[in-house]
Amino acid sequence: MNKQKPKIESEHIVYQGRIIEVVRQKVILGGEEKNFEFARRSPGARLIIPTPDKKILLTKEHRLEVGDYDYRLPGGKIFDTLAEYNDFLASGKDIADAAKRAAVKEGIEEAGIEIEDIKLFSISKLGATMVWDLFYFVVTKYKEHVHGQRLEEGENIEVISVSFDEAKEMCLDGRMREERSAAMFLRFLSSQNWKIK
Protein backbone atom coordinates (compact mmCIF):
# COMPACT_ATOMS: atom_id res chain seq x y z
CA MET A 1 0.00 0.00 0.00
CA ASN A 2 1.42 3.36 -1.08
CA LYS A 3 0.77 5.99 1.59
CA GLN A 4 1.23 9.59 0.57
CA LYS A 5 2.75 12.05 2.99
CA PRO A 6 0.55 15.01 3.90
CA LYS A 7 1.38 18.13 1.89
CA ILE A 8 0.90 21.62 3.38
CA GLU A 9 -0.76 23.80 0.75
CA SER A 10 -1.00 27.03 2.72
CA GLU A 11 -0.75 28.49 6.19
CA HIS A 12 -2.69 31.42 7.63
CA ILE A 13 -2.25 33.05 11.04
CA VAL A 14 -5.77 33.38 12.49
CA TYR A 15 -4.71 35.11 15.70
CA GLN A 16 -1.40 36.47 16.94
CA GLY A 17 -0.76 37.64 20.47
CA ARG A 18 2.55 38.56 22.05
CA ILE A 19 3.57 34.97 22.84
CA ILE A 20 1.09 32.63 21.11
CA GLU A 21 -0.43 32.51 17.65
CA VAL A 22 -3.15 30.30 16.20
CA VAL A 23 -2.36 28.93 12.76
CA ARG A 24 -4.71 27.35 10.21
CA GLN A 25 -3.11 25.08 7.63
CA LYS A 26 -4.66 23.75 4.44
CA VAL A 27 -3.27 20.23 4.00
CA ILE A 28 -3.67 17.67 1.22
CA LEU A 29 -4.10 14.32 2.96
CA GLY A 30 -4.90 11.16 0.99
CA GLY A 31 -5.90 13.27 -2.01
CA GLU A 32 -8.36 15.31 0.08
CA GLU A 33 -8.06 18.89 1.26
CA LYS A 34 -8.32 19.28 5.04
CA ASN A 35 -7.91 22.21 7.42
CA PHE A 36 -5.97 21.92 10.66
CA GLU A 37 -5.51 24.45 13.45
CA PHE A 38 -2.77 24.57 16.03
CA ALA A 39 -1.19 27.03 18.44
CA ARG A 40 2.43 27.99 17.98
CA ARG A 41 4.91 29.61 20.32
CA SER A 42 8.48 30.66 19.63
CA PRO A 43 10.90 27.90 20.69
CA GLY A 44 13.06 28.06 23.79
CA ALA A 45 16.52 26.99 24.90
CA ARG A 46 17.39 25.31 28.20
CA LEU A 47 20.82 24.74 29.73
CA ILE A 48 22.11 21.71 31.63
CA ILE A 49 25.18 23.08 33.42
CA PRO A 50 27.28 20.52 35.34
CA THR A 51 29.88 22.15 37.60
CA PRO A 52 33.49 21.00 38.08
CA ASP A 53 32.57 19.77 41.59
CA LYS A 54 29.92 17.42 40.13
CA LYS A 55 26.88 19.55 40.89
CA ILE A 56 24.34 21.19 38.62
CA LEU A 57 23.44 24.88 38.28
CA LEU A 58 19.72 25.58 38.53
CA THR A 59 17.72 28.77 38.87
CA LYS A 60 15.12 29.58 41.48
CA GLU A 61 12.54 32.10 40.37
CA HIS A 62 8.99 33.11 41.12
CA ARG A 63 6.71 32.05 38.27
CA LEU A 64 3.26 33.53 37.77
CA GLU A 65 1.92 30.37 36.12
CA VAL A 66 2.58 28.29 39.25
CA GLY A 67 2.04 31.08 41.79
CA ASP A 68 5.21 30.10 43.64
CA TYR A 69 8.93 29.62 43.33
CA ASP A 70 10.16 27.08 40.83
CA TYR A 71 13.53 25.42 40.32
CA ARG A 72 14.45 25.39 36.67
CA LEU A 73 17.13 24.73 34.12
CA PRO A 74 18.34 28.20 33.06
CA GLY A 75 17.06 29.31 29.69
CA GLY A 76 14.68 31.44 27.73
CA LYS A 77 13.25 32.18 24.32
CA ILE A 78 15.14 31.88 21.06
CA PHE A 79 13.35 34.76 19.34
CA ASP A 80 12.09 37.90 21.05
CA THR A 81 8.90 38.16 18.98
CA LEU A 82 6.60 35.91 16.97
CA ALA A 83 7.23 38.11 13.92
CA GLU A 84 10.97 37.42 14.22
CA TYR A 85 10.25 33.69 14.59
CA ASN A 86 7.93 33.64 11.56
CA ASP A 87 10.50 35.50 9.45
CA PHE A 88 13.06 32.87 10.47
CA LEU A 89 10.67 30.03 9.56
CA ALA A 90 10.14 31.61 6.12
CA SER A 91 13.92 31.82 5.58
CA GLY A 92 14.30 28.03 5.59
CA LYS A 93 17.44 28.27 7.76
CA ASP A 94 18.36 25.64 10.34
CA ILE A 95 17.05 26.69 13.73
CA ALA A 96 19.77 24.81 15.65
CA ASP A 97 22.26 27.67 15.14
CA ALA A 98 19.77 30.27 16.38
CA ALA A 99 19.00 28.04 19.37
CA LYS A 100 22.69 27.74 20.23
CA ARG A 101 23.17 31.53 20.07
CA ALA A 102 20.15 32.02 22.33
CA ALA A 103 21.46 29.41 24.79
CA VAL A 104 24.81 31.21 25.04
CA LYS A 105 22.99 34.52 25.63
CA GLU A 106 20.80 32.94 28.33
CA GLY A 107 23.93 31.57 30.00
CA ILE A 108 25.08 35.14 30.67
CA GLU A 109 21.65 36.60 31.42
CA GLU A 110 20.16 33.95 33.73
CA ALA A 111 23.12 31.92 35.01
CA GLY A 112 25.86 34.56 34.97
CA ILE A 113 28.28 32.38 33.00
CA GLU A 114 30.22 32.76 29.75
CA ILE A 115 29.81 29.56 27.79
CA GLU A 116 32.95 28.33 26.07
CA ASP A 117 31.71 24.94 24.88
CA ILE A 118 28.16 23.71 24.43
CA LYS A 119 26.54 20.66 22.86
CA LEU A 120 22.95 20.04 21.78
CA PHE A 121 21.54 17.26 23.96
CA SER A 122 17.96 16.92 22.70
CA ILE A 123 14.93 18.73 21.31
CA SER A 124 11.61 18.34 23.12
CA LYS A 125 8.50 18.54 20.95
CA LEU A 126 5.35 19.60 22.80
CA GLY A 127 2.73 18.10 20.51
CA ALA A 128 0.63 18.39 17.40
CA THR A 129 -1.90 21.00 18.51
CA MET A 130 0.61 23.18 20.39
CA VAL A 131 3.96 23.65 18.68
CA TRP A 132 6.57 24.79 21.20
CA ASP A 133 9.97 23.16 20.84
CA LEU A 134 12.56 23.34 23.61
CA PHE A 135 16.23 22.88 22.72
CA TYR A 136 18.31 21.37 25.54
CA PHE A 137 22.05 22.03 25.61
CA VAL A 138 24.76 20.65 27.87
CA VAL A 139 27.39 23.20 28.82
CA THR A 140 30.72 21.38 28.87
CA LYS A 141 32.98 24.38 29.53
CA TYR A 142 32.27 27.80 31.00
CA LYS A 143 33.59 30.53 33.27
CA GLU A 144 31.77 32.92 35.56
CA HIS A 145 30.82 36.22 33.93
CA VAL A 146 32.73 39.12 35.42
CA HIS A 147 29.48 41.03 36.11
CA GLY A 148 27.35 38.00 37.06
CA GLN A 149 23.79 37.75 35.77
CA ARG A 150 22.26 40.26 33.36
CA LEU A 151 18.60 39.86 34.23
CA GLU A 152 15.82 41.51 32.26
CA GLU A 153 13.74 44.13 34.02
CA GLY A 154 11.36 42.51 36.49
CA GLU A 155 13.24 39.20 36.68
CA ASN A 156 14.19 37.90 40.12
CA ILE A 157 16.28 34.80 39.51
CA GLU A 158 18.69 33.20 41.96
CA VAL A 159 21.35 30.76 40.72
CA ILE A 160 21.84 27.74 42.97
CA SER A 161 24.19 24.78 42.85
CA VAL A 162 22.87 21.39 43.97
CA SER A 163 24.12 17.83 43.82
CA PHE A 164 22.93 15.59 41.00
CA ASP A 165 21.03 13.51 43.57
CA GLU A 166 19.26 16.60 44.95
CA ALA A 167 18.39 17.77 41.41
CA LYS A 168 17.00 14.32 40.66
CA GLU A 169 14.82 14.54 43.80
CA MET A 170 13.60 17.99 42.68
CA CYS A 171 12.51 16.45 39.38
CA LEU A 172 10.73 13.57 41.08
CA ASP A 173 9.03 15.45 43.94
CA GLY A 174 7.73 18.31 41.79
CA ARG A 175 9.96 21.17 42.89
CA MET A 176 11.13 21.40 39.27
CA ARG A 177 7.74 22.18 37.78
CA GLU A 178 8.58 22.51 34.12
CA GLU A 179 7.85 18.83 33.47
CA ARG A 180 9.66 18.63 30.14
CA SER A 181 12.83 19.99 31.71
CA ALA A 182 12.53 17.57 34.63
CA ALA A 183 12.17 14.66 32.21
CA MET A 184 15.05 15.89 30.05
CA PHE A 185 17.32 16.28 33.08
CA LEU A 186 16.49 12.74 34.22
CA ARG A 187 17.29 11.54 30.70
CA PHE A 188 20.60 13.40 30.89
CA LEU A 189 21.43 11.68 34.19
CA SER A 190 20.74 8.24 32.74
CA SER A 191 22.61 8.80 29.48
CA GLN A 192 25.97 7.00 29.40
CA ASN A 193 27.30 9.43 26.79
CA TRP A 194 26.95 12.39 29.16
CA LYS A 195 28.26 10.89 32.39
CA ILE A 196 30.28 13.44 34.33
CA LYS A 197 33.73 12.10 35.10
C-alpha atoms as a PDB file:
ATOM      1  CA  MET A   1       0.000   0.000   0.000  1.00  0.00           C
ATOM      2  CA  ASN A   2       1.418   3.356  -1.077  1.00  0.00           C
ATOM      3  CA  LYS A   3       0.767   5.993   1.591  1.00  0.00           C
ATOM      4  CA  GLN A   4       1.234   9.586   0.571  1.00  0.00           C
ATOM      5  CA  LYS A   5       2.746  12.046   2.989  1.00  0.00           C
ATOM      6  CA  PRO A   6       0.552  15.013   3.903  1.00  0.00           C
ATOM      7  CA  LYS A   7       1.377  18.131   1.895  1.00  0.00           C
ATOM      8  CA  ILE A   8       0.904  21.620   3.378  1.00  0.00           C
ATOM      9  CA  GLU A   9      -0.757  23.796   0.746  1.00  0.00           C
ATOM     10  CA  SER A  10      -1.004  27.027   2.722  1.00  0.00           C
ATOM     11  CA  GLU A  11      -0.750  28.491   6.194  1.00  0.00           C
ATOM     12  CA  HIS A  12      -2.688  31.419   7.632  1.00  0.00           C
ATOM     13  CA  ILE A  13      -2.254  33.045  11.043  1.00  0.00           C
ATOM     14  CA  VAL A  14      -5.768  33.377  12.489  1.00  0.00           C
ATOM     15  CA  TYR A  15      -4.706  35.112  15.703  1.00  0.00           C
ATOM     16  CA  GLN A  16      -1.401  36.475  16.937  1.00  0.00           C
ATOM     17  CA  GLY A  17      -0.762  37.636  20.468  1.00  0.00           C
ATOM     18  CA  ARG A  18       2.552  38.565  22.048  1.00  0.00           C
ATOM     19  CA  ILE A  19       3.571  34.969  22.840  1.00  0.00           C
ATOM     20  CA  ILE A  20       1.088  32.626  21.111  1.00  0.00           C
ATOM     21  CA  GLU A  21      -0.432  32.515  17.646  1.00  0.00           C
ATOM     22  CA  VAL A  22      -3.154  30.300  16.199  1.00  0.00           C
ATOM     23  CA  VAL A  23      -2.358  28.925  12.760  1.00  0.00           C
ATOM     24  CA  ARG A  24      -4.708  27.345  10.209  1.00  0.00           C
ATOM     25  CA  GLN A  25      -3.108  25.076   7.632  1.00  0.00           C
ATOM     26  CA  LYS A  26      -4.658  23.752   4.443  1.00  0.00           C
ATOM     27  CA  VAL A  27      -3.268  20.227   4.004  1.00  0.00           C
ATOM     28  CA  ILE A  28      -3.672  17.668   1.225  1.00  0.00           C
ATOM     29  CA  LEU A  29      -4.101  14.322   2.964  1.00  0.00           C
ATOM     30  CA  GLY A  30      -4.897  11.164   0.995  1.00  0.00           C
ATOM     31  CA  GLY A  31      -5.905  13.265  -2.007  1.00  0.00           C
ATOM     32  CA  GLU A  32      -8.356  15.314   0.076  1.00  0.00           C
ATOM     33  CA  GLU A  33      -8.059  18.890   1.256  1.00  0.00           C
ATOM     34  CA  LYS A  34      -8.320  19.285   5.040  1.00  0.00           C
ATOM     35  CA  ASN A  35      -7.906  22.207   7.419  1.00  0.00           C
ATOM     36  CA  PHE A  36      -5.973  21.923  10.661  1.00  0.00           C
ATOM     37  CA  GLU A  37      -5.513  24.451  13.446  1.00  0.00           C
ATOM     38  CA  PHE A  38      -2.768  24.574  16.035  1.00  0.00           C
ATOM     39  CA  ALA A  39      -1.195  27.030  18.435  1.00  0.00           C
ATOM     40  CA  ARG A  40       2.434  27.994  17.978  1.00  0.00           C
ATOM     41  CA  ARG A  41       4.913  29.615  20.321  1.00  0.00           C
ATOM     42  CA  SER A  42       8.477  30.664  19.630  1.00  0.00           C
ATOM     43  CA  PRO A  43      10.900  27.904  20.694  1.00  0.00           C
ATOM     44  CA  GLY A  44      13.061  28.060  23.785  1.00  0.00           C
ATOM     45  CA  ALA A  45      16.521  26.989  24.896  1.00  0.00           C
ATOM     46  CA  ARG A  46      17.390  25.309  28.200  1.00  0.00           C
ATOM     47  CA  LEU A  47      20.822  24.736  29.733  1.00  0.00           C
ATOM     48  CA  ILE A  48      22.106  21.711  31.631  1.00  0.00           C
ATOM     49  CA  ILE A  49      25.177  23.076  33.424  1.00  0.00           C
ATOM     50  CA  PRO A  50      27.278  20.518  35.335  1.00  0.00           C
ATOM     51  CA  THR A  51      29.878  22.150  37.599  1.00  0.00           C
ATOM     52  CA  PRO A  52      33.489  21.004  38.076  1.00  0.00           C
ATOM     53  CA  ASP A  53      32.568  19.765  41.593  1.00  0.00           C
ATOM     54  CA  LYS A  54      29.918  17.420  40.125  1.00  0.00           C
ATOM     55  CA  LYS A  55      26.880  19.545  40.891  1.00  0.00           C
ATOM     56  CA  ILE A  56      24.337  21.192  38.621  1.00  0.00           C
ATOM     57  CA  LEU A  57      23.442  24.880  38.281  1.00  0.00           C
ATOM     58  CA  LEU A  58      19.724  25.585  38.534  1.00  0.00           C
ATOM     59  CA  THR A  59      17.723  28.771  38.869  1.00  0.00           C
ATOM     60  CA  LYS A  60      15.119  29.579  41.483  1.00  0.00           C
ATOM     61  CA  GLU A  61      12.539  32.095  40.370  1.00  0.00           C
ATOM     62  CA  HIS A  62       8.987  33.112  41.120  1.00  0.00           C
ATOM     63  CA  ARG A  63       6.708  32.046  38.272  1.00  0.00           C
ATOM     64  CA  LEU A  64       3.258  33.530  37.767  1.00  0.00           C
ATOM     65  CA  GLU A  65       1.925  30.367  36.118  1.00  0.00           C
ATOM     66  CA  VAL A  66       2.583  28.294  39.249  1.00  0.00           C
ATOM     67  CA  GLY A  67       2.045  31.085  41.788  1.00  0.00           C
ATOM     68  CA  ASP A  68       5.206  30.102  43.636  1.00  0.00           C
ATOM     69  CA  TYR A  69       8.931  29.620  43.329  1.00  0.00           C
ATOM     70  CA  ASP A  70      10.162  27.078  40.825  1.00  0.00           C
ATOM     71  CA  TYR A  71      13.525  25.416  40.317  1.00  0.00           C
ATOM     72  CA  ARG A  72      14.451  25.389  36.667  1.00  0.00           C
ATOM     73  CA  LEU A  73      17.128  24.735  34.121  1.00  0.00           C
ATOM     74  CA  PRO A  74      18.343  28.199  33.061  1.00  0.00           C
ATOM     75  CA  GLY A  75      17.057  29.307  29.690  1.00  0.00           C
ATOM     76  CA  GLY A  76      14.677  31.444  27.725  1.00  0.00           C
ATOM     77  CA  LYS A  77      13.246  32.183  24.325  1.00  0.00           C
ATOM     78  CA  ILE A  78      15.142  31.876  21.062  1.00  0.00           C
ATOM     79  CA  PHE A  79      13.351  34.762  19.338  1.00  0.00           C
ATOM     80  CA  ASP A  80      12.092  37.904  21.047  1.00  0.00           C
ATOM     81  CA  THR A  81       8.899  38.157  18.983  1.00  0.00           C
ATOM     82  CA  LEU A  82       6.601  35.915  16.974  1.00  0.00           C
ATOM     83  CA  ALA A  83       7.231  38.111  13.918  1.00  0.00           C
ATOM     84  CA  GLU A  84      10.969  37.420  14.221  1.00  0.00           C
ATOM     85  CA  TYR A  85      10.251  33.689  14.595  1.00  0.00           C
ATOM     86  CA  ASN A  86       7.927  33.636  11.564  1.00  0.00           C
ATOM     87  CA  ASP A  87      10.504  35.499   9.450  1.00  0.00           C
ATOM     88  CA  PHE A  88      13.058  32.873  10.474  1.00  0.00           C
ATOM     89  CA  LEU A  89      10.668  30.026   9.558  1.00  0.00           C
ATOM     90  CA  ALA A  90      10.141  31.608   6.125  1.00  0.00           C
ATOM     91  CA  SER A  91      13.921  31.815   5.578  1.00  0.00           C
ATOM     92  CA  GLY A  92      14.300  28.033   5.585  1.00  0.00           C
ATOM     93  CA  LYS A  93      17.441  28.269   7.758  1.00  0.00           C
ATOM     94  CA  ASP A  94      18.357  25.643  10.345  1.00  0.00           C
ATOM     95  CA  ILE A  95      17.046  26.692  13.730  1.00  0.00           C
ATOM     96  CA  ALA A  96      19.768  24.813  15.647  1.00  0.00           C
ATOM     97  CA  ASP A  97      22.264  27.670  15.136  1.00  0.00           C
ATOM     98  CA  ALA A  98      19.774  30.272  16.380  1.00  0.00           C
ATOM     99  CA  ALA A  99      18.995  28.036  19.370  1.00  0.00           C
ATOM    100  CA  LYS A 100      22.689  27.737  20.226  1.00  0.00           C
ATOM    101  CA  ARG A 101      23.174  31.527  20.068  1.00  0.00           C
ATOM    102  CA  ALA A 102      20.151  32.021  22.330  1.00  0.00           C
ATOM    103  CA  ALA A 103      21.463  29.410  24.787  1.00  0.00           C
ATOM    104  CA  VAL A 104      24.814  31.212  25.044  1.00  0.00           C
ATOM    105  CA  LYS A 105      22.986  34.515  25.630  1.00  0.00           C
ATOM    106  CA  GLU A 106      20.800  32.942  28.330  1.00  0.00           C
ATOM    107  CA  GLY A 107      23.934  31.574  30.000  1.00  0.00           C
ATOM    108  CA  ILE A 108      25.077  35.141  30.673  1.00  0.00           C
ATOM    109  CA  GLU A 109      21.647  36.596  31.417  1.00  0.00           C
ATOM    110  CA  GLU A 110      20.164  33.950  33.734  1.00  0.00           C
ATOM    111  CA  ALA A 111      23.120  31.916  35.011  1.00  0.00           C
ATOM    112  CA  GLY A 112      25.863  34.562  34.973  1.00  0.00           C
ATOM    113  CA  ILE A 113      28.282  32.384  32.999  1.00  0.00           C
ATOM    114  CA  GLU A 114      30.219  32.763  29.754  1.00  0.00           C
ATOM    115  CA  ILE A 115      29.807  29.557  27.793  1.00  0.00           C
ATOM    116  CA  GLU A 116      32.953  28.331  26.075  1.00  0.00           C
ATOM    117  CA  ASP A 117      31.712  24.936  24.877  1.00  0.00           C
ATOM    118  CA  ILE A 118      28.155  23.711  24.430  1.00  0.00           C
ATOM    119  CA  LYS A 119      26.536  20.660  22.862  1.00  0.00           C
ATOM    120  CA  LEU A 120      22.948  20.036  21.783  1.00  0.00           C
ATOM    121  CA  PHE A 121      21.536  17.260  23.962  1.00  0.00           C
ATOM    122  CA  SER A 122      17.960  16.918  22.703  1.00  0.00           C
ATOM    123  CA  ILE A 123      14.935  18.727  21.312  1.00  0.00           C
ATOM    124  CA  SER A 124      11.613  18.336  23.121  1.00  0.00           C
ATOM    125  CA  LYS A 125       8.500  18.541  20.949  1.00  0.00           C
ATOM    126  CA  LEU A 126       5.348  19.598  22.796  1.00  0.00           C
ATOM    127  CA  GLY A 127       2.732  18.095  20.510  1.00  0.00           C
ATOM    128  CA  ALA A 128       0.627  18.388  17.399  1.00  0.00           C
ATOM    129  CA  THR A 129      -1.902  21.004  18.513  1.00  0.00           C
ATOM    130  CA  MET A 130       0.614  23.177  20.386  1.00  0.00           C
ATOM    131  CA  VAL A 131       3.957  23.652  18.681  1.00  0.00           C
ATOM    132  CA  TRP A 132       6.571  24.794  21.197  1.00  0.00           C
ATOM    133  CA  ASP A 133       9.967  23.156  20.840  1.00  0.00           C
ATOM    134  CA  LEU A 134      12.559  23.344  23.606  1.00  0.00           C
ATOM    135  CA  PHE A 135      16.233  22.878  22.716  1.00  0.00           C
ATOM    136  CA  TYR A 136      18.312  21.371  25.539  1.00  0.00           C
ATOM    137  CA  PHE A 137      22.047  22.026  25.607  1.00  0.00           C
ATOM    138  CA  VAL A 138      24.761  20.645  27.866  1.00  0.00           C
ATOM    139  CA  VAL A 139      27.390  23.204  28.823  1.00  0.00           C
ATOM    140  CA  THR A 140      30.722  21.377  28.870  1.00  0.00           C
ATOM    141  CA  LYS A 141      32.985  24.385  29.529  1.00  0.00           C
ATOM    142  CA  TYR A 142      32.268  27.803  31.004  1.00  0.00           C
ATOM    143  CA  LYS A 143      33.590  30.531  33.266  1.00  0.00           C
ATOM    144  CA  GLU A 144      31.768  32.922  35.556  1.00  0.00           C
ATOM    145  CA  HIS A 145      30.824  36.218  33.925  1.00  0.00           C
ATOM    146  CA  VAL A 146      32.734  39.123  35.422  1.00  0.00           C
ATOM    147  CA  HIS A 147      29.480  41.030  36.115  1.00  0.00           C
ATOM    148  CA  GLY A 148      27.350  38.004  37.057  1.00  0.00           C
ATOM    149  CA  GLN A 149      23.790  37.747  35.772  1.00  0.00           C
ATOM    150  CA  ARG A 150      22.261  40.257  33.356  1.00  0.00           C
ATOM    151  CA  LEU A 151      18.599  39.857  34.225  1.00  0.00           C
ATOM    152  CA  GLU A 152      15.823  41.505  32.264  1.00  0.00           C
ATOM    153  CA  GLU A 153      13.743  44.126  34.020  1.00  0.00           C
ATOM    154  CA  GLY A 154      11.364  42.508  36.494  1.00  0.00           C
ATOM    155  CA  GLU A 155      13.243  39.197  36.684  1.00  0.00           C
ATOM    156  CA  ASN A 156      14.193  37.899  40.118  1.00  0.00           C
ATOM    157  CA  ILE A 157      16.282  34.798  39.508  1.00  0.00           C
ATOM    158  CA  GLU A 158      18.687  33.200  41.960  1.00  0.00           C
ATOM    159  CA  VAL A 159      21.348  30.756  40.717  1.00  0.00           C
ATOM    160  CA  ILE A 160      21.838  27.736  42.968  1.00  0.00           C
ATOM    161  CA  SER A 161      24.192  24.778  42.848  1.00  0.00           C
ATOM    162  CA  VAL A 162      22.865  21.385  43.966  1.00  0.00           C
ATOM    163  CA  SER A 163      24.120  17.826  43.818  1.00  0.00           C
ATOM    164  CA  PHE A 164      22.928  15.589  40.996  1.00  0.00           C
ATOM    165  CA  ASP A 165      21.026  13.513  43.570  1.00  0.00           C
ATOM    166  CA  GLU A 166      19.257  16.600  44.947  1.00  0.00           C
ATOM    167  CA  ALA A 167      18.385  17.772  41.415  1.00  0.00           C
ATOM    168  CA  LYS A 168      16.999  14.316  40.663  1.00  0.00           C
ATOM    169  CA  GLU A 169      14.817  14.541  43.796  1.00  0.00           C
ATOM    170  CA  MET A 170      13.596  17.995  42.682  1.00  0.00           C
ATOM    171  CA  CYS A 171      12.510  16.446  39.376  1.00  0.00           C
ATOM    172  CA  LEU A 172      10.726  13.568  41.077  1.00  0.00           C
ATOM    173  CA  ASP A 173       9.030  15.446  43.939  1.00  0.00           C
ATOM    174  CA  GLY A 174       7.733  18.309  41.787  1.00  0.00           C
ATOM    175  CA  ARG A 175       9.962  21.174  42.892  1.00  0.00           C
ATOM    176  CA  MET A 176      11.133  21.395  39.273  1.00  0.00           C
ATOM    177  CA  ARG A 177       7.739  22.182  37.784  1.00  0.00           C
ATOM    178  CA  GLU A 178       8.581  22.505  34.118  1.00  0.00           C
ATOM    179  CA  GLU A 179       7.849  18.834  33.474  1.00  0.00           C
ATOM    180  CA  ARG A 180       9.659  18.631  30.137  1.00  0.00           C
ATOM    181  CA  SER A 181      12.830  19.992  31.713  1.00  0.00           C
ATOM    182  CA  ALA A 182      12.533  17.575  34.634  1.00  0.00           C
ATOM    183  CA  ALA A 183      12.166  14.658  32.213  1.00  0.00           C
ATOM    184  CA  MET A 184      15.046  15.892  30.051  1.00  0.00           C
ATOM    185  CA  PHE A 185      17.322  16.281  33.081  1.00  0.00           C
ATOM    186  CA  LEU A 186      16.490  12.740  34.219  1.00  0.00           C
ATOM    187  CA  ARG A 187      17.295  11.536  30.695  1.00  0.00           C
ATOM    188  CA  PHE A 188      20.601  13.399  30.890  1.00  0.00           C
ATOM    189  CA  LEU A 189      21.432  11.678  34.194  1.00  0.00           C
ATOM    190  CA  SER A 190      20.738   8.237  32.745  1.00  0.00           C
ATOM    191  CA  SER A 191      22.608   8.805  29.482  1.00  0.00           C
ATOM    192  CA  GLN A 192      25.974   6.999  29.395  1.00  0.00           C
ATOM    193  CA  ASN A 193      27.302   9.434  26.791  1.00  0.00           C
ATOM    194  CA  TRP A 194      26.946  12.394  29.159  1.00  0.00           C
ATOM    195  CA  LYS A 195      28.263  10.887  32.393  1.00  0.00           C
ATOM    196  CA  ILE A 196      30.284  13.443  34.328  1.00  0.00           C
ATOM    197  CA  LYS A 197      33.734  12.098  35.105  1.00  0.00           C
END
